[in-house]
Amino acid sequence: MKAARILEYGKPLVLDDVPVPEVQPDEVMVEVRACGMCRSDVQLVDGYFRSYGNIPMPITPGHEITGVVRQLGELVSRSSAIQEGDHVVVAPGWGDGTCRHCLVGNTHICPNVRWPGFGLYGGFAEFIPVPARYVIKVDQRLKFEELAPLTDAGVTPYRGLKKLRDAGALASDRVLGIFGIGGLGGYAVQYAKLLGGGATVVAFARNADKLAVATEYGADHIINVMDKSQADVVRELKQATGQGELDAIIDCAGAPQMMQLAFSLLSISGHYVDVGLVGDRIDIPLFPRVSREQTFHGSFWGNNLDLSEIMALAAQGKIRHTIQTIEFDQINEYIDRLRQGEIVGRAVIKF
């Protein structure tokens, strides 16, 4: 099968022919039909995650995976919900099934978690073996290239917005800021309108084309923060919404400068959820966080329930996409374009 693999950090992926892997008894073989390209793939190539864990080479990236079940392992019941020929998405976060996080369904934060695309097998290949409990059957009318990004770019901001909603941070008299309108932010705007309880939605970014996507997807206001001071942004926010602070924030970028700006705009008792990982450190004043009783939520990817809910919304036609499909041999070109921030929406490899 064709596979694009990391053989050395900081180097282009090697496009190669490798043996099709064997299916273990509790796995199914998925023929990959589409795989989204994520900024995390660039960070993986560039060695961002090396300080958080050792991943043996070779690594096959690609974690936004959808395709068709082609083989069942011998322990996968022929009467199970998954059968050969089913269209499926691959859920992230393959937990050990025994820890306290797995037992309540949060397999993606299992201390012994495995991730597709962060090891030997990933979606930048034509086939991938997946534990049967981590594939979700989907409506066959849905397009593979639209399903693939939903497994990360789609589900990650959804979980983050659910955290804001469940914390009571969203309501009709609140203003919600969405920072970073990239692969995740376009979906975040849509979920904000679905889950936000009527909150006013303001999108913040540095790219006019990406902000245009936010407007198309329902943002009430957009603010381009390029070359603007904090005072400029406050003035523009107040003119747009009547207030110069944000009651809730979902950060889909995680860039240090953007986070400093966002925290400076957070209101008394405001809630901030971060799902972006552009940077790796934040430097913000502590006193306002304490004296204003603000809450910071980490939110990482999503679990099977989150992804199943996203699939239901997709089947109901409630999710729109900004997608550019590419060929397998364009992978390295688009890794570079992602690195430069040139992609509007999501690039998706279609097999």
Protein backbone atom coordinates (compact mmCIF):
# COMPACT_ATOMS: atom_id res chain seq x y z
CA MET A 1 0.00 0.00 0.00
CA LYS A 2 1.01 3.64 -0.40
CA ALA A 3 2.10 5.34 2.82
CA ALA A 4 3.70 8.68 3.68
CA ARG A 5 6.02 8.27 6.66
CA ILE A 6 8.29 10.29 8.90
CA LEU A 7 11.74 8.73 8.95
CA GLU A 8 13.52 11.75 10.45
CA TYR A 9 12.18 14.82 12.24
CA GLY A 10 12.35 18.04 10.28
CA LYS A 11 12.56 16.25 6.93
CA PRO A 12 9.90 15.78 4.22
CA LEU A 13 7.73 12.70 4.51
CA VAL A 14 8.89 9.70 2.50
CA LEU A 15 6.22 8.46 0.10
CA ASP A 16 6.68 4.73 -0.17
CA ASP A 17 5.11 1.33 -0.84
CA VAL A 18 4.90 -0.73 2.35
CA PRO A 19 3.20 -4.01 3.30
CA VAL A 20 -0.47 -3.87 4.27
CA PRO A 21 -0.58 -4.45 8.06
CA GLU A 22 -2.19 -7.53 9.57
CA VAL A 23 -5.48 -7.26 11.45
CA GLN A 24 -5.37 -8.27 15.11
CA PRO A 25 -8.28 -10.33 16.50
CA ASP A 26 -10.07 -7.31 18.06
CA GLU A 27 -9.49 -5.00 15.09
CA VAL A 28 -11.06 -4.13 11.77
CA MET A 29 -9.16 -3.15 8.65
CA VAL A 30 -10.22 0.23 7.30
CA GLU A 31 -9.49 1.14 3.69
CA VAL A 32 -8.77 4.85 3.99
CA ARG A 33 -10.80 6.95 1.60
CA ALA A 34 -9.95 10.37 3.00
CA CYS A 35 -7.67 11.83 5.66
CA GLY A 36 -7.60 15.43 6.82
CA MET A 37 -4.36 17.32 7.22
CA CYS A 38 -3.95 19.02 10.59
CA ARG A 39 -1.46 21.52 11.95
CA SER A 40 -0.61 18.80 14.47
CA ASP A 41 0.78 16.81 11.54
CA VAL A 42 3.19 19.67 10.86
CA GLN A 43 4.10 19.83 14.55
CA LEU A 44 4.69 16.08 14.53
CA VAL A 45 7.04 16.39 11.55
CA ASP A 46 8.82 19.33 13.19
CA GLY A 47 9.34 17.51 16.51
CA TYR A 48 6.90 19.53 18.67
CA PHE A 49 5.76 16.45 20.60
CA ARG A 50 9.21 15.00 21.32
CA SER A 51 9.35 16.53 24.80
CA TYR A 52 6.02 14.89 25.67
CA GLY A 53 6.81 11.33 24.61
CA ASN A 54 9.06 9.18 22.48
CA ILE A 55 7.43 7.92 19.28
CA PRO A 56 9.53 5.27 17.54
CA MET A 57 10.24 5.71 13.83
CA PRO A 58 8.86 5.24 11.26
CA ILE A 59 5.73 7.29 11.98
CA THR A 60 2.76 7.37 9.63
CA PRO A 61 0.91 10.65 10.31
CA GLY A 62 -2.75 11.31 9.68
CA HIS A 63 -5.41 11.17 12.40
CA GLU A 64 -8.53 12.52 10.65
CA ILE A 65 -9.53 9.23 9.08
CA THR A 66 -12.59 7.90 7.30
CA GLY A 67 -13.05 4.94 5.00
CA VAL A 68 -14.63 1.54 4.43
CA VAL A 69 -14.34 -1.58 6.60
CA ARG A 70 -12.66 -4.29 4.53
CA GLN A 71 -11.90 -7.01 7.10
CA LEU A 72 -13.01 -8.05 10.57
CA GLY A 73 -10.66 -9.58 13.13
CA GLU A 74 -11.57 -13.04 14.34
CA LEU A 75 -12.90 -11.78 17.68
CA VAL A 76 -15.12 -9.14 16.08
CA SER A 77 -18.58 -10.66 16.07
CA ARG A 78 -20.31 -11.05 12.74
CA SER A 79 -23.42 -9.85 14.56
CA SER A 80 -21.76 -6.65 15.80
CA ALA A 81 -22.78 -3.17 14.71
CA ILE A 82 -19.79 -2.99 12.36
CA GLN A 83 -19.70 -5.13 9.23
CA GLU A 84 -17.53 -5.35 6.12
CA GLY A 85 -18.48 -2.65 3.66
CA ASP A 86 -19.62 -0.16 6.28
CA HIS A 87 -18.55 3.46 5.95
CA VAL A 88 -16.87 4.52 9.17
CA VAL A 89 -14.90 7.28 10.86
CA VAL A 90 -12.02 6.45 13.17
CA ALA A 91 -12.46 7.79 16.68
CA PRO A 92 -9.39 9.35 18.28
CA GLY A 93 -7.89 8.25 21.57
CA TRP A 94 -7.65 4.46 21.83
CA GLY A 95 -7.66 3.91 25.59
CA ASP A 96 -6.73 0.83 27.59
CA GLY A 97 -10.38 0.32 28.59
CA THR A 98 -9.63 -0.18 32.28
CA CYS A 99 -8.60 3.21 33.75
CA ARG A 100 -11.12 5.50 35.45
CA HIS A 101 -11.19 7.81 32.44
CA CYS A 102 -11.97 5.00 30.02
CA LEU A 103 -14.66 3.63 32.30
CA VAL A 104 -16.64 6.87 32.01
CA GLY A 105 -16.07 7.10 28.26
CA ASN A 106 -13.17 9.54 28.13
CA THR A 107 -10.78 7.17 26.39
CA HIS A 108 -8.98 10.09 24.73
CA ILE A 109 -7.42 11.14 28.07
CA CYS A 110 -6.46 7.62 29.14
CA PRO A 111 -2.91 7.65 30.59
CA ASN A 112 -2.08 4.72 28.28
CA VAL A 113 -3.79 6.17 25.20
CA ARG A 114 -2.73 5.33 21.65
CA TRP A 115 -3.36 7.70 18.78
CA PRO A 116 -3.78 6.88 15.09
CA GLY A 117 -1.29 8.96 13.15
CA PHE A 118 1.19 9.15 16.05
CA GLY A 119 2.85 5.79 15.56
CA LEU A 120 3.36 3.08 12.98
CA TYR A 121 -0.15 3.35 11.55
CA GLY A 122 -1.96 6.47 10.39
CA GLY A 123 -4.27 7.89 7.78
CA PHE A 124 -1.53 8.94 5.36
CA ALA A 125 -1.73 5.36 4.10
CA GLU A 126 -4.25 3.31 2.14
CA PHE A 127 -5.12 0.92 4.99
CA ILE A 128 -5.13 1.15 8.77
CA PRO A 129 -6.01 -1.49 11.41
CA VAL A 130 -8.29 -0.06 14.11
CA PRO A 131 -9.69 -1.60 17.32
CA ALA A 132 -13.32 -2.33 16.45
CA ARG A 133 -14.67 -0.27 19.35
CA TYR A 134 -13.03 2.85 17.89
CA VAL A 135 -14.80 2.97 14.56
CA ILE A 136 -18.20 4.65 14.24
CA LYS A 137 -20.56 3.72 11.44
CA VAL A 138 -21.74 6.69 9.37
CA ASP A 139 -24.43 7.50 6.85
CA GLN A 140 -23.23 6.31 3.43
CA ARG A 141 -24.66 9.43 1.80
CA LEU A 142 -22.02 11.59 3.48
CA LYS A 143 -18.89 12.46 1.52
CA PHE A 144 -15.61 11.01 2.73
CA GLU A 145 -13.76 14.29 2.26
CA GLU A 146 -16.28 16.01 4.55
CA LEU A 147 -16.30 13.26 7.16
CA ALA A 148 -12.53 13.12 7.65
CA PRO A 149 -11.99 16.59 9.20
CA LEU A 150 -14.89 16.07 11.59
CA THR A 151 -12.82 13.53 13.55
CA ASP A 152 -10.55 16.32 14.86
CA ALA A 153 -11.19 19.78 13.39
CA GLY A 154 -14.89 19.11 13.79
CA VAL A 155 -15.07 17.33 17.12
CA THR A 156 -12.43 19.30 19.04
CA PRO A 157 -14.20 22.69 19.14
CA TYR A 158 -17.50 20.90 19.70
CA ARG A 159 -16.23 19.40 22.97
CA GLY A 160 -14.77 22.76 23.96
CA LEU A 161 -18.07 24.55 23.39
CA LYS A 162 -19.92 21.88 25.34
CA LYS A 163 -17.62 22.66 28.28
CA LEU A 164 -18.50 26.36 28.06
CA ARG A 165 -22.19 25.53 27.80
CA ASP A 166 -22.13 23.10 30.72
CA ALA A 167 -20.25 25.66 32.85
CA GLY A 168 -23.09 28.16 32.32
CA ALA A 169 -20.88 30.51 30.30
CA LEU A 170 -23.23 30.78 27.30
CA ALA A 171 -26.55 32.60 27.26
CA SER A 172 -28.47 35.16 25.26
CA ASP A 173 -26.94 38.08 27.17
CA ARG A 174 -23.34 36.86 26.79
CA VAL A 175 -20.65 37.59 24.21
CA LEU A 176 -18.57 34.64 23.02
CA GLY A 177 -15.22 35.17 21.33
CA ILE A 178 -13.75 32.65 18.90
CA PHE A 179 -10.02 33.13 18.34
CA GLY A 180 -8.42 31.63 15.25
CA ILE A 181 -10.59 30.82 12.24
CA GLY A 182 -8.58 27.98 10.75
CA GLY A 183 -9.51 24.34 10.41
CA LEU A 184 -11.15 24.30 13.85
CA GLY A 185 -12.49 27.83 14.02
CA GLY A 186 -14.85 27.52 11.08
CA TYR A 187 -16.60 24.64 12.80
CA ALA A 188 -16.49 26.46 16.15
CA VAL A 189 -18.54 29.33 14.72
CA GLN A 190 -21.22 26.91 13.59
CA TYR A 191 -21.36 25.10 16.93
CA ALA A 192 -21.49 28.44 18.74
CA LYS A 193 -24.73 29.17 16.92
CA LEU A 194 -26.06 25.67 17.68
CA LEU A 195 -25.00 25.42 21.34
CA GLY A 196 -24.56 29.04 22.39
CA GLY A 197 -28.03 29.72 23.75
CA GLY A 198 -28.30 32.87 21.68
CA ALA A 199 -24.92 34.32 22.72
CA THR A 200 -23.44 36.97 20.44
CA VAL A 201 -20.58 35.38 18.49
CA VAL A 202 -17.48 37.41 17.62
CA ALA A 203 -14.68 35.88 15.49
CA PHE A 204 -11.09 37.11 15.87
CA ALA A 205 -8.31 36.35 13.38
CA ARG A 206 -5.50 37.91 11.36
CA ASN A 207 -6.59 36.71 7.92
CA ALA A 208 -9.41 38.41 6.02
CA ASP A 209 -10.23 35.30 3.97
CA LYS A 210 -10.63 33.23 7.13
CA LEU A 211 -12.79 35.90 8.73
CA ALA A 212 -15.00 35.84 5.63
CA VAL A 213 -15.60 32.15 6.34
CA ALA A 214 -16.65 33.05 9.89
CA THR A 215 -19.18 35.54 8.53
CA GLU A 216 -20.51 32.96 6.09
CA TYR A 217 -20.98 30.47 8.92
CA GLY A 218 -22.94 32.85 11.13
CA ALA A 219 -20.58 34.97 13.22
CA ASP A 220 -22.40 38.08 14.37
CA HIS A 221 -19.23 40.18 14.19
CA ILE A 222 -15.66 39.75 12.98
CA ILE A 223 -12.55 41.57 14.16
CA ASN A 224 -9.26 41.46 12.29
CA VAL A 225 -6.56 41.77 14.96
CA MET A 226 -3.64 42.13 12.57
CA ASP A 227 -1.39 45.03 13.66
CA LYS A 228 -3.95 46.25 16.22
CA SER A 229 -3.28 47.11 19.85
CA GLN A 230 -5.33 45.72 22.70
CA ALA A 231 -7.00 49.13 23.04
CA ASP A 232 -7.91 49.09 19.34
CA VAL A 233 -9.51 45.66 19.70
CA VAL A 234 -11.43 46.71 22.84
CA ARG A 235 -12.74 49.78 21.02
CA GLU A 236 -13.88 47.71 18.03
CA LEU A 237 -15.44 45.05 20.25
CA LYS A 238 -17.37 47.65 22.24
CA GLN A 239 -18.60 49.31 19.07
CA ALA A 240 -19.81 45.94 17.73
CA THR A 241 -21.37 44.46 20.87
CA GLY A 242 -21.81 47.26 23.39
CA GLN A 243 -19.16 45.82 25.73
CA GLY A 244 -15.40 45.72 25.66
CA GLU A 245 -15.02 42.29 27.27
CA LEU A 246 -15.85 38.69 26.42
CA ASP A 247 -17.92 36.51 28.72
CA ALA A 248 -16.59 33.31 27.15
CA ILE A 249 -13.74 32.44 24.82
CA ILE A 250 -12.88 29.40 22.74
CA ASP A 251 -9.32 29.62 21.46
CA CYS A 252 -8.78 27.54 18.34
CA ALA A 253 -5.22 28.77 17.79
CA GLY A 254 -3.31 28.66 21.06
CA ALA A 255 -0.77 31.17 19.75
CA PRO A 256 1.04 33.03 22.56
CA GLN A 257 0.30 36.59 21.38
CA MET A 258 -3.31 35.74 20.61
CA MET A 259 -3.73 34.17 24.04
CA GLN A 260 -2.34 37.26 25.75
CA LEU A 261 -4.85 39.39 23.85
CA ALA A 262 -7.73 37.00 24.55
CA PHE A 263 -7.05 36.81 28.29
CA SER A 264 -6.90 40.61 28.45
CA LEU A 265 -10.46 40.69 27.08
CA LEU A 266 -11.93 38.06 29.43
CA SER A 267 -14.65 39.38 31.73
CA ILE A 268 -15.26 38.95 35.45
CA SER A 269 -16.21 35.28 36.03
CA GLY A 270 -15.43 34.61 32.37
CA HIS A 271 -14.63 31.16 31.02
CA TYR A 272 -11.78 30.44 28.60
CA VAL A 273 -11.41 27.10 26.82
CA ASP A 274 -8.34 26.37 24.73
CA VAL A 275 -8.25 23.74 22.01
CA GLY A 276 -5.36 25.18 19.96
CA LEU A 277 -1.68 24.22 20.15
CA VAL A 278 0.15 26.65 17.88
CA GLY A 279 2.40 27.64 20.79
CA ASP A 280 3.72 25.71 23.76
CA ARG A 281 3.87 28.35 26.54
CA ILE A 282 1.62 31.11 27.83
CA ASP A 283 2.73 34.16 29.79
CA ILE A 284 -0.21 36.02 31.32
CA PRO A 285 -0.73 38.05 34.52
CA LEU A 286 -1.98 35.93 37.43
CA PHE A 287 -3.78 38.51 39.57
CA PRO A 288 -6.64 39.23 37.14
CA ARG A 289 -7.32 35.51 36.81
CA VAL A 290 -7.74 35.24 40.58
CA SER A 291 -9.35 38.59 41.43
CA ARG A 292 -11.82 38.30 38.56
CA GLU A 293 -12.55 34.61 39.32
CA GLN A 294 -11.94 33.44 35.79
CA THR A 295 -11.87 29.80 34.72
CA PHE A 296 -9.52 28.19 32.21
CA HIS A 297 -10.56 24.88 30.63
CA GLY A 298 -8.25 22.56 28.79
CA SER A 299 -10.15 20.60 26.17
CA PHE A 300 -8.44 17.90 24.17
CA TRP A 301 -9.92 16.35 21.04
CA GLY A 302 -13.11 14.43 21.95
CA ASN A 303 -14.52 11.06 22.95
CA ASN A 304 -16.75 8.58 21.11
CA LEU A 305 -19.91 10.27 22.37
CA ASP A 306 -18.74 13.67 21.11
CA LEU A 307 -17.88 12.22 17.71
CA SER A 308 -21.16 10.30 17.50
CA GLU A 309 -23.06 13.53 18.16
CA ILE A 310 -21.07 15.24 15.40
CA MET A 311 -21.92 12.43 12.99
CA ALA A 312 -25.61 12.88 13.80
CA LEU A 313 -25.38 16.62 13.10
CA ALA A 314 -23.59 15.89 9.82
CA ALA A 315 -26.27 13.39 8.78
CA GLN A 316 -28.89 16.07 9.48
CA GLY A 317 -27.08 18.51 7.19
CA LYS A 318 -26.25 20.93 10.01
CA ILE A 319 -22.49 21.20 9.41
CA ARG A 320 -20.86 23.06 6.54
CA HIS A 321 -17.30 22.65 5.35
CA THR A 322 -14.44 24.63 3.81
CA ILE A 323 -12.34 21.92 2.22
CA GLN A 324 -9.68 21.54 -0.44
CA THR A 325 -9.05 17.97 -1.58
CA ILE A 326 -5.53 16.98 -2.57
CA GLU A 327 -3.73 13.95 -3.99
CA PHE A 328 -1.41 11.64 -2.08
CA ASP A 329 1.68 12.95 -3.87
CA GLN A 330 0.88 16.53 -2.76
CA ILE A 331 1.32 15.73 0.94
CA ASN A 332 4.69 17.41 1.41
CA GLU A 333 3.60 20.50 -0.51
CA TYR A 334 0.59 20.92 1.77
CA ILE A 335 2.61 20.22 4.92
CA ASP A 336 4.64 23.28 3.93
CA ARG A 337 1.50 25.31 3.20
CA LEU A 338 0.08 24.38 6.60
CA ARG A 339 3.35 25.40 8.21
CA GLN A 340 3.00 28.84 6.62
CA GLY A 341 -0.67 29.19 7.62
CA GLU A 342 -1.82 29.38 4.00
CA ILE A 343 -4.71 26.89 4.18
CA VAL A 344 -8.21 28.30 4.55
CA GLY A 345 -10.35 25.58 6.15
CA ARG A 346 -9.01 22.04 5.79
CA ALA A 347 -6.87 20.24 3.24
CA VAL A 348 -8.00 16.62 2.83
CA ILE A 349 -6.13 13.80 1.14
CA LYS A 350 -8.53 11.76 -0.97
CA PHE A 351 -7.57 8.22 -1.89
